[in-house]
PDB file of N, CA and C in Angstrom:
ATOM      1  N   MET A   1       6.696  11.049  35.879  1.00  0.00           N
ATOM      2  CA  MET A   1       8.058  10.575  35.749  1.00  0.00           C
ATOM      3  C   MET A   1       8.224   9.741  34.486  1.00  0.00           C
ATOM      4  N   GLU A   2       7.223   8.857  34.199  1.00  0.00           N
ATOM      5  CA  GLU A   2       7.298   8.023  32.999  1.00  0.00           C
ATOM      6  C   GLU A   2       7.260   8.872  31.740  1.00  0.00           C
ATOM      7  N   GLU A   3       6.473   9.960  31.763  1.00  0.00           N
ATOM      8  CA  GLU A   3       6.368  10.823  30.596  1.00  0.00           C
ATOM      9  C   GLU A   3       7.701  11.478  30.286  1.00  0.00           C
ATOM     10  N   SER A   4       8.435  11.908  31.317  1.00  0.00           N
ATOM     11  CA  SER A   4       9.731  12.537  31.069  1.00  0.00           C
ATOM     12  C   SER A   4      10.738  11.515  30.564  1.00  0.00           C
ATOM     13  N   ALA A   5      10.654  10.264  31.001  1.00  0.00           N
ATOM     14  CA  ALA A   5      11.543   9.213  30.511  1.00  0.00           C
ATOM     15  C   ALA A   5      11.222   8.913  29.050  1.00  0.00           C
ATOM     16  N   GLY A   6       9.942   8.883  28.727  1.00  0.00           N
ATOM     17  CA  GLY A   6       9.537   8.664  27.339  1.00  0.00           C
ATOM     18  C   GLY A   6       9.972   9.811  26.447  1.00  0.00           C
ATOM     19  N   GLY A   7       9.878  11.024  26.954  1.00  0.00           N
ATOM     20  CA  GLY A   7      10.319  12.201  26.193  1.00  0.00           C
ATOM     21  C   GLY A   7      11.819  12.189  25.983  1.00  0.00           C
ATOM     22  N   ALA A   8      12.563  11.776  27.001  1.00  0.00           N
ATOM     23  CA  ALA A   8      14.020  11.699  26.876  1.00  0.00           C
ATOM     24  C   ALA A   8      14.423  10.628  25.871  1.00  0.00           C
ATOM     25  N   ALA A   9      13.718   9.506  25.889  1.00  0.00           N
ATOM     26  CA  ALA A   9      14.016   8.431  24.945  1.00  0.00           C
ATOM     27  C   ALA A   9      13.706   8.879  23.517  1.00  0.00           C
ATOM     28  N   ARG A  10      12.595   9.577  23.356  1.00  0.00           N
ATOM     29  CA  ARG A  10      12.220  10.068  22.031  1.00  0.00           C
ATOM     30  C   ARG A  10      13.238  11.097  21.535  1.00  0.00           C
ATOM     31  N   GLN A  11      13.694  11.969  22.429  1.00  0.00           N
ATOM     32  CA  GLN A  11      14.680  12.979  22.051  1.00  0.00           C
ATOM     33  C   GLN A  11      16.018  12.320  21.677  1.00  0.00           C
ATOM     34  N   ALA A  12      16.420  11.283  22.416  1.00  0.00           N
ATOM     35  CA  ALA A  12      17.657  10.567  22.105  1.00  0.00           C
ATOM     36  C   ALA A  12      17.552   9.899  20.739  1.00  0.00           C
ATOM     37  N   LYS A  13      16.404   9.317  20.456  1.00  0.00           N
ATOM     38  CA  LYS A  13      16.185   8.661  19.164  1.00  0.00           C
ATOM     39  C   LYS A  13      16.235   9.675  18.025  1.00  0.00           C
ATOM     40  N   GLU A  14      15.606  10.833  18.229  1.00  0.00           N
ATOM     41  CA  GLU A  14      15.610  11.884  17.211  1.00  0.00           C
ATOM     42  C   GLU A  14      17.016  12.427  16.997  1.00  0.00           C
ATOM     43  N   SER A  15      17.778  12.577  18.080  1.00  0.00           N
ATOM     44  CA  SER A  15      19.159  13.053  17.967  1.00  0.00           C
ATOM     45  C   SER A  15      20.009  12.067  17.186  1.00  0.00           C
ATOM     46  N   LEU A  16      19.838  10.779  17.461  1.00  0.00           N
ATOM     47  CA  LEU A  16      20.574   9.761  16.734  1.00  0.00           C
ATOM     48  C   LEU A  16      20.194   9.776  15.264  1.00  0.00           C
ATOM     49  N   GLU A  17      18.924   9.916  14.959  1.00  0.00           N
ATOM     50  CA  GLU A  17      18.482   9.941  13.565  1.00  0.00           C
ATOM     51  C   GLU A  17      19.063  11.150  12.840  1.00  0.00           C
ATOM     52  N   LEU A  18      19.066  12.310  13.476  1.00  0.00           N
ATOM     53  CA  LEU A  18      19.630  13.508  12.863  1.00  0.00           C
ATOM     54  C   LEU A  18      21.134  13.334  12.641  1.00  0.00           C
ATOM     55  N   ALA A  19      21.836  12.806  13.638  1.00  0.00           N
ATOM     56  CA  ALA A  19      23.278  12.573  13.495  1.00  0.00           C
ATOM     57  C   ALA A  19      23.551  11.566  12.379  1.00  0.00           C
ATOM     58  N   PHE A  20      22.701  10.533  12.265  1.00  0.00           N
ATOM     59  CA  PHE A  20      22.884   9.541  11.214  1.00  0.00           C
ATOM     60  C   PHE A  20      22.666  10.166   9.837  1.00  0.00           C
ATOM     61  N   GLN A  21      21.643  11.023   9.706  1.00  0.00           N
ATOM     62  CA  GLN A  21      21.403  11.689   8.423  1.00  0.00           C
ATOM     63  C   GLN A  21      22.593  12.564   8.039  1.00  0.00           C
ATOM     64  N   MET A  22      23.157  13.290   9.009  1.00  0.00           N
ATOM     65  CA  MET A  22      24.339  14.110   8.728  1.00  0.00           C
ATOM     66  C   MET A  22      25.515  13.216   8.351  1.00  0.00           C
ATOM     67  N   SER A  23      25.649  12.095   9.025  1.00  0.00           N
ATOM     68  CA  SER A  23      26.709  11.140   8.734  1.00  0.00           C
ATOM     69  C   SER A  23      26.596  10.630   7.305  1.00  0.00           C
ATOM     70  N   GLN A  24      25.364  10.378   6.857  1.00  0.00           N
ATOM     71  CA  GLN A  24      25.144   9.912   5.486  1.00  0.00           C
ATOM     72  C   GLN A  24      25.487  11.000   4.473  1.00  0.00           C
ATOM     73  N   ILE A  25      25.105  12.233   4.763  1.00  0.00           N
ATOM     74  CA  ILE A  25      25.417  13.350   3.871  1.00  0.00           C
ATOM     75  C   ILE A  25      26.932  13.525   3.748  1.00  0.00           C
ATOM     76  N   LEU A  26      27.634  13.364   4.865  1.00  0.00           N
ATOM     77  CA  LEU A  26      29.086  13.517   4.876  1.00  0.00           C
ATOM     78  C   LEU A  26      29.814  12.252   4.423  1.00  0.00           C
ATOM     79  N   ASP A  27      29.063  11.213   4.112  1.00  0.00           N
ATOM     80  CA  ASP A  27      29.609   9.944   3.634  1.00  0.00           C
ATOM     81  C   ASP A  27      30.683   9.396   4.576  1.00  0.00           C
ATOM     82  N   THR A  28      30.344   9.298   5.868  1.00  0.00           N
ATOM     83  CA  THR A  28      31.297   8.812   6.859  1.00  0.00           C
ATOM     84  C   THR A  28      31.444   7.297   6.845  1.00  0.00           C
ATOM     85  N   GLY A  29      30.416   6.609   6.362  1.00  0.00           N
ATOM     86  CA  GLY A  29      30.463   5.153   6.369  1.00  0.00           C
ATOM     87  C   GLY A  29      30.099   4.548   7.709  1.00  0.00           C
ATOM     88  N   LEU A  30      29.632   5.365   8.641  1.00  0.00           N
ATOM     89  CA  LEU A  30      29.257   4.862   9.965  1.00  0.00           C
ATOM     90  C   LEU A  30      27.812   4.375   9.952  1.00  0.00           C
ATOM     91  N   ASP A  31      27.575   3.212  10.554  1.00  0.00           N
ATOM     92  CA  ASP A  31      26.208   2.721  10.679  1.00  0.00           C
ATOM     93  C   ASP A  31      25.587   3.312  11.950  1.00  0.00           C
ATOM     94  N   ARG A  32      24.295   3.126  12.112  1.00  0.00           N
ATOM     95  CA  ARG A  32      23.596   3.704  13.273  1.00  0.00           C
ATOM     96  C   ARG A  32      24.164   3.186  14.595  1.00  0.00           C
ATOM     97  N   HIS A  33      24.463   1.899  14.638  1.00  0.00           N
ATOM     98  CA  HIS A  33      24.967   1.305  15.879  1.00  0.00           C
ATOM     99  C   HIS A  33      26.299   1.941  16.286  1.00  0.00           C
ATOM    100  N   THR A  34      27.228   2.027  15.353  1.00  0.00           N
ATOM    101  CA  THR A  34      28.528   2.625  15.648  1.00  0.00           C
ATOM    102  C   THR A  34      28.371   4.087  16.035  1.00  0.00           C
ATOM    103  N   LEU A  35      27.520   4.798  15.307  1.00  0.00           N
ATOM    104  CA  LEU A  35      27.285   6.202  15.614  1.00  0.00           C
ATOM    105  C   LEU A  35      26.691   6.367  17.008  1.00  0.00           C
ATOM    106  N   SER A  36      25.777   5.487  17.388  1.00  0.00           N
ATOM    107  CA  SER A  36      25.180   5.583  18.731  1.00  0.00           C
ATOM    108  C   SER A  36      26.225   5.314  19.808  1.00  0.00           C
ATOM    109  N   LEU A  37      27.154   4.402  19.534  1.00  0.00           N
ATOM    110  CA  LEU A  37      28.228   4.137  20.497  1.00  0.00           C
ATOM    111  C   LEU A  37      29.139   5.347  20.647  1.00  0.00           C
ATOM    112  N   LEU A  38      29.474   5.962  19.527  1.00  0.00           N
ATOM    113  CA  LEU A  38      30.327   7.148  19.577  1.00  0.00           C
ATOM    114  C   LEU A  38      29.631   8.293  20.312  1.00  0.00           C
ATOM    115  N   MET A  39      28.343   8.459  20.068  1.00  0.00           N
ATOM    116  CA  MET A  39      27.592   9.506  20.768  1.00  0.00           C
ATOM    117  C   MET A  39      27.540   9.228  22.271  1.00  0.00           C
ATOM    118  N   ALA A  40      27.348   7.960  22.633  1.00  0.00           N
ATOM    119  CA  ALA A  40      27.302   7.596  24.053  1.00  0.00           C
ATOM    120  C   ALA A  40      28.645   7.854  24.716  1.00  0.00           C
ATOM    121  N   LEU A  41      29.731   7.546  24.020  1.00  0.00           N
ATOM    122  CA  LEU A  41      31.057   7.813  24.570  1.00  0.00           C
ATOM    123  C   LEU A  41      31.275   9.306  24.774  1.00  0.00           C
ATOM    124  N   CYS A  42      30.815  10.118  23.831  1.00  0.00           N
ATOM    125  CA  CYS A  42      30.918  11.573  23.982  1.00  0.00           C
ATOM    126  C   CYS A  42      30.080  12.053  25.166  1.00  0.00           C
ATOM    127  N   ASP A  43      28.881  11.500  25.310  1.00  0.00           N
ATOM    128  CA  ASP A  43      28.018  11.867  26.436  1.00  0.00           C
ATOM    129  C   ASP A  43      28.668  11.533  27.773  1.00  0.00           C
ATOM    130  N   ARG A  44      29.520  10.511  27.772  1.00  0.00           N
ATOM    131  CA  ARG A  44      30.193  10.082  29.003  1.00  0.00           C
ATOM    132  C   ARG A  44      31.553  10.739  29.187  1.00  0.00           C
ATOM    133  N   GLY A  45      31.855  11.736  28.338  1.00  0.00           N
ATOM    134  CA  GLY A  45      33.058  12.532  28.551  1.00  0.00           C
ATOM    135  C   GLY A  45      34.248  12.203  27.668  1.00  0.00           C
ATOM    136  N   ALA A  46      34.090  11.290  26.709  1.00  0.00           N
ATOM    137  CA  ALA A  46      35.208  10.987  25.817  1.00  0.00           C
ATOM    138  C   ALA A  46      35.475  12.185  24.911  1.00  0.00           C
ATOM    139  N   ASN A  47      36.730  12.372  24.563  1.00  0.00           N
ATOM    140  CA  ASN A  47      37.132  13.474  23.699  1.00  0.00           C
ATOM    141  C   ASN A  47      36.681  13.176  22.271  1.00  0.00           C
ATOM    142  N   PRO A  48      35.793  14.003  21.691  1.00  0.00           N
ATOM    143  CA  PRO A  48      35.287  13.748  20.343  1.00  0.00           C
ATOM    144  C   PRO A  48      36.385  13.741  19.278  1.00  0.00           C
ATOM    145  N   GLU A  49      37.390  14.602  19.429  1.00  0.00           N
ATOM    146  CA  GLU A  49      38.474  14.640  18.453  1.00  0.00           C
ATOM    147  C   GLU A  49      39.299  13.356  18.508  1.00  0.00           C
ATOM    148  N   ALA A  50      39.504  12.826  19.715  1.00  0.00           N
ATOM    149  CA  ALA A  50      40.239  11.570  19.852  1.00  0.00           C
ATOM    150  C   ALA A  50      39.433  10.421  19.253  1.00  0.00           C
ATOM    151  N   LEU A  51      38.119  10.431  19.463  1.00  0.00           N
ATOM    152  CA  LEU A  51      37.273   9.398  18.869  1.00  0.00           C
ATOM    153  C   LEU A  51      37.292   9.481  17.343  1.00  0.00           C
ATOM    154  N   ALA A  52      37.272  10.705  16.807  1.00  0.00           N
ATOM    155  CA  ALA A  52      37.322  10.878  15.354  1.00  0.00           C
ATOM    156  C   ALA A  52      38.634  10.334  14.797  1.00  0.00           C
ATOM    157  N   ALA A  53      39.734  10.603  15.489  1.00  0.00           N
ATOM    158  CA  ALA A  53      41.034  10.088  15.051  1.00  0.00           C
ATOM    159  C   ALA A  53      41.040   8.562  15.105  1.00  0.00           C
ATOM    160  N   LEU A  54      40.449   7.985  16.142  1.00  0.00           N
ATOM    161  CA  LEU A  54      40.385   6.536  16.272  1.00  0.00           C
ATOM    162  C   LEU A  54      39.559   5.915  15.143  1.00  0.00           C
ATOM    163  N   VAL A  55      38.427   6.525  14.840  1.00  0.00           N
ATOM    164  CA  VAL A  55      37.575   6.012  13.765  1.00  0.00           C
ATOM    165  C   VAL A  55      38.314   6.092  12.433  1.00  0.00           C
ATOM    166  N   ARG A  56      38.993   7.218  12.189  1.00  0.00           N
ATOM    167  CA  ARG A  56      39.765   7.346  10.947  1.00  0.00           C
ATOM    168  C   ARG A  56      40.834   6.265  10.855  1.00  0.00           C
ATOM    169  N   GLU A  57      41.544   6.039  11.950  1.00  0.00           N
ATOM    170  CA  GLU A  57      42.606   5.025  11.968  1.00  0.00           C
ATOM    171  C   GLU A  57      42.038   3.632  11.741  1.00  0.00           C
ATOM    172  N   LEU A  58      40.964   3.306  12.436  1.00  0.00           N
ATOM    173  CA  LEU A  58      40.362   1.984  12.273  1.00  0.00           C
ATOM    174  C   LEU A  58      39.776   1.804  10.869  1.00  0.00           C
ATOM    175  N   SER A  59      39.216   2.864  10.325  1.00  0.00           N
ATOM    176  CA  SER A  59      38.638   2.779   8.984  1.00  0.00           C
ATOM    177  C   SER A  59      39.715   2.594   7.928  1.00  0.00           C
ATOM    178  N   SER A  60      40.861   3.211   8.130  1.00  0.00           N
ATOM    179  CA  SER A  60      41.920   3.106   7.125  1.00  0.00           C
ATOM    180  C   SER A  60      42.612   1.750   7.169  1.00  0.00           C
ATOM    181  N   THR A  61      42.556   1.069   8.310  1.00  0.00           N
ATOM    182  CA  THR A  61      43.206  -0.235   8.422  1.00  0.00           C
ATOM    183  C   THR A  61      42.233  -1.393   8.242  1.00  0.00           C
ATOM    184  N   ALA A  62      40.943  -1.096   8.188  1.00  0.00           N
ATOM    185  CA  ALA A  62      39.941  -2.156   8.039  1.00  0.00           C
ATOM    186  C   ALA A  62      39.965  -2.693   6.617  1.00  0.00           C
ATOM    187  N   PRO A  63      39.805  -4.003   6.453  1.00  0.00           N
ATOM    188  CA  PRO A  63      39.751  -4.554   5.098  1.00  0.00           C
ATOM    189  C   PRO A  63      38.487  -4.075   4.397  1.00  0.00           C
ATOM    190  N   PRO A  64      38.570  -3.841   3.094  1.00  0.00           N
ATOM    191  CA  PRO A  64      37.375  -3.363   2.376  1.00  0.00           C
ATOM    192  C   PRO A  64      36.290  -4.426   2.363  1.00  0.00           C
ATOM    193  N   ALA A  65      35.065  -3.963   2.467  1.00  0.00           N
ATOM    194  CA  ALA A  65      33.917  -4.874   2.430  1.00  0.00           C
ATOM    195  C   ALA A  65      33.659  -5.268   0.985  1.00  0.00           C
ATOM    196  N   PRO A  66      33.173  -6.487   0.748  1.00  0.00           N
ATOM    197  CA  PRO A  66      32.882  -6.892  -0.632  1.00  0.00           C
ATOM    198  C   PRO A  66      31.777  -6.021  -1.222  1.00  0.00           C
ATOM    199  N   ALA A  67      31.919  -5.691  -2.504  1.00  0.00           N
ATOM    200  CA  ALA A  67      30.955  -4.806  -3.160  1.00  0.00           C
ATOM    201  C   ALA A  67      29.590  -5.463  -3.300  1.00  0.00           C
ATOM    202  N   THR A  68      29.575  -6.722  -3.720  1.00  0.00           N
ATOM    203  CA  THR A  68      28.311  -7.439  -3.858  1.00  0.00           C
ATOM    204  C   THR A  68      28.434  -8.776  -3.136  1.00  0.00           C
ATOM    205  N   PRO A  69      27.539  -9.024  -2.220  1.00  0.00           N
ATOM    206  CA  PRO A  69      27.614 -10.293  -1.497  1.00  0.00           C
ATOM    207  C   PRO A  69      27.308 -11.464  -2.425  1.00  0.00           C
ATOM    208  N   THR A  70      28.040 -12.513  -2.237  1.00  0.00           N
ATOM    209  CA  THR A  70      27.785 -13.724  -3.012  1.00  0.00           C
ATOM    210  C   THR A  70      26.904 -14.650  -2.200  1.00  0.00           C
ATOM    211  N   ALA A  71      26.277 -15.582  -2.852  1.00  0.00           N
ATOM    212  CA  ALA A  71      25.412 -16.531  -2.147  1.00  0.00           C
ATOM    213  C   ALA A  71      26.285 -17.413  -1.260  1.00  0.00           C
ATOM    214  N   PRO A  72      25.999 -17.449   0.044  1.00  0.00           N
ATOM    215  CA  PRO A  72      26.825 -18.257   0.940  1.00  0.00           C
ATOM    216  C   PRO A  72      26.584 -19.752   0.729  1.00  0.00           C
ATOM    217  N   ALA A  73      27.619 -20.519   0.975  1.00  0.00           N
ATOM    218  CA  ALA A  73      27.483 -21.974   0.933  1.00  0.00           C
ATOM    219  C   ALA A  73      26.562 -22.394   2.069  1.00  0.00           C
ATOM    220  N   SER A  74      26.029 -23.577   1.999  1.00  0.00           N
ATOM    221  CA  SER A  74      25.040 -24.010   2.985  1.00  0.00           C
ATOM    222  C   SER A  74      25.609 -24.088   4.398  1.00  0.00           C
ATOM    223  N   ASN A  75      26.921 -24.269   4.550  1.00  0.00           N
ATOM    224  CA  ASN A  75      27.493 -24.382   5.893  1.00  0.00           C
ATOM    225  C   ASN A  75      28.247 -23.130   6.319  1.00  0.00           C
ATOM    226  N   VAL A  76      28.105 -22.030   5.579  1.00  0.00           N
ATOM    227  CA  VAL A  76      28.797 -20.793   5.892  1.00  0.00           C
ATOM    228  C   VAL A  76      27.767 -19.756   6.328  1.00  0.00           C
ATOM    229  N   VAL A  77      28.088 -19.035   7.397  1.00  0.00           N
ATOM    230  CA  VAL A  77      27.206 -17.977   7.886  1.00  0.00           C
ATOM    231  C   VAL A  77      27.601 -16.688   7.188  1.00  0.00           C
ATOM    232  N   ALA A  78      26.622 -15.970   6.659  1.00  0.00           N
ATOM    233  CA  ALA A  78      26.882 -14.722   5.948  1.00  0.00           C
ATOM    234  C   ALA A  78      27.325 -13.647   6.934  1.00  0.00           C
ATOM    235  N   ALA A  79      28.261 -12.808   6.519  1.00  0.00           N
ATOM    236  CA  ALA A  79      28.740 -11.701   7.346  1.00  0.00           C
ATOM    237  C   ALA A  79      27.700 -10.596   7.346  1.00  0.00           C
ATOM    238  N   PRO A  80      27.663  -9.780   8.408  1.00  0.00           N
ATOM    239  CA  PRO A  80      26.725  -8.657   8.431  1.00  0.00           C
ATOM    240  C   PRO A  80      27.059  -7.690   7.295  1.00  0.00           C
ATOM    241  N   THR A  81      26.045  -6.984   6.799  1.00  0.00           N
ATOM    242  CA  THR A  81      26.251  -6.097   5.657  1.00  0.00           C
ATOM    243  C   THR A  81      27.016  -4.836   6.039  1.00  0.00           C
ATOM    244  N   ALA A  82      26.854  -4.327   7.256  1.00  0.00           N
ATOM    245  CA  ALA A  82      27.554  -3.123   7.680  1.00  0.00           C
ATOM    246  C   ALA A  82      28.303  -3.425   8.971  1.00  0.00           C
ATOM    247  N   PRO A  83      29.572  -3.841   8.871  1.00  0.00           N
ATOM    248  CA  PRO A  83      30.301  -4.195  10.079  1.00  0.00           C
ATOM    249  C   PRO A  83      30.497  -2.976  10.970  1.00  0.00           C
ATOM    250  N   SER A  84      30.421  -3.187  12.253  1.00  0.00           N
ATOM    251  CA  SER A  84      30.596  -2.129  13.223  1.00  0.00           C
ATOM    252  C   SER A  84      32.050  -2.088  13.661  1.00  0.00           C
ATOM    253  N   LEU A  85      32.498  -0.925  14.071  1.00  0.00           N
ATOM    254  CA  LEU A  85      33.864  -0.787  14.553  1.00  0.00           C
ATOM    255  C   LEU A  85      34.018  -1.280  15.982  1.00  0.00           C
ATOM    256  N   PHE A  86      32.899  -1.515  16.656  1.00  0.00           N
ATOM    257  CA  PHE A  86      32.931  -1.893  18.048  1.00  0.00           C
ATOM    258  C   PHE A  86      32.123  -3.168  18.277  1.00  0.00           C
ATOM    259  N   PRO A  87      32.430  -3.906  19.351  1.00  0.00           N
ATOM    260  CA  PRO A  87      31.652  -5.100  19.653  1.00  0.00           C
ATOM    261  C   PRO A  87      30.183  -4.738  19.880  1.00  0.00           C
ATOM    262  N   SER A  88      29.319  -5.681  19.577  1.00  0.00           N
ATOM    263  CA  SER A  88      27.884  -5.403  19.693  1.00  0.00           C
ATOM    264  C   SER A  88      27.371  -5.485  21.119  1.00  0.00           C
ATOM    265  N   GLY A  89      28.236  -5.752  22.078  1.00  0.00           N
ATOM    266  CA  GLY A  89      27.814  -5.856  23.475  1.00  0.00           C
ATOM    267  C   GLY A  89      27.480  -4.526  24.098  1.00  0.00           C
ATOM    268  N   PHE A  90      27.802  -3.408  23.433  1.00  0.00           N
ATOM    269  CA  PHE A  90      27.490  -2.092  23.990  1.00  0.00           C
ATOM    270  C   PHE A  90      26.019  -1.784  23.814  1.00  0.00           C
ATOM    271  N   ARG A  91      25.479  -1.042  24.748  1.00  0.00           N
ATOM    272  CA  ARG A  91      24.073  -0.682  24.715  1.00  0.00           C
ATOM    273  C   ARG A  91      23.840   0.458  23.744  1.00  0.00           C
ATOM    274  N   GLN A  92      22.835   0.322  22.892  1.00  0.00           N
ATOM    275  CA  GLN A  92      22.475   1.402  21.979  1.00  0.00           C
ATOM    276  C   GLN A  92      21.577   2.383  22.683  1.00  0.00           C
ATOM    277  N   LEU A  93      21.577   3.625  22.186  1.00  0.00           N
ATOM    278  CA  LEU A  93      20.689   4.642  22.743  1.00  0.00           C
ATOM    279  C   LEU A  93      19.317   4.482  22.180  1.00  0.00           C
TER     280      LEU A  93
END
């Protein structure tokens, strides 16, 4: 039973890596975390076309990320380099 769980986890990881590589080739701008959330939503029955439309809408309204990060002041916390479209409370695959 443990071997099949390990195999399933390895297959999920490989699927995510392949999807991420395709995402990079297509220049989607999606990070691994966001992509894993979208894949999980699809696995749970969400409409992929509706999710794609949502990502496009959120991406077009999101403020542009700074091109080069500046050195933060001592009392300022630096923002993450690749902001996710979703809260980080979701479980990754």
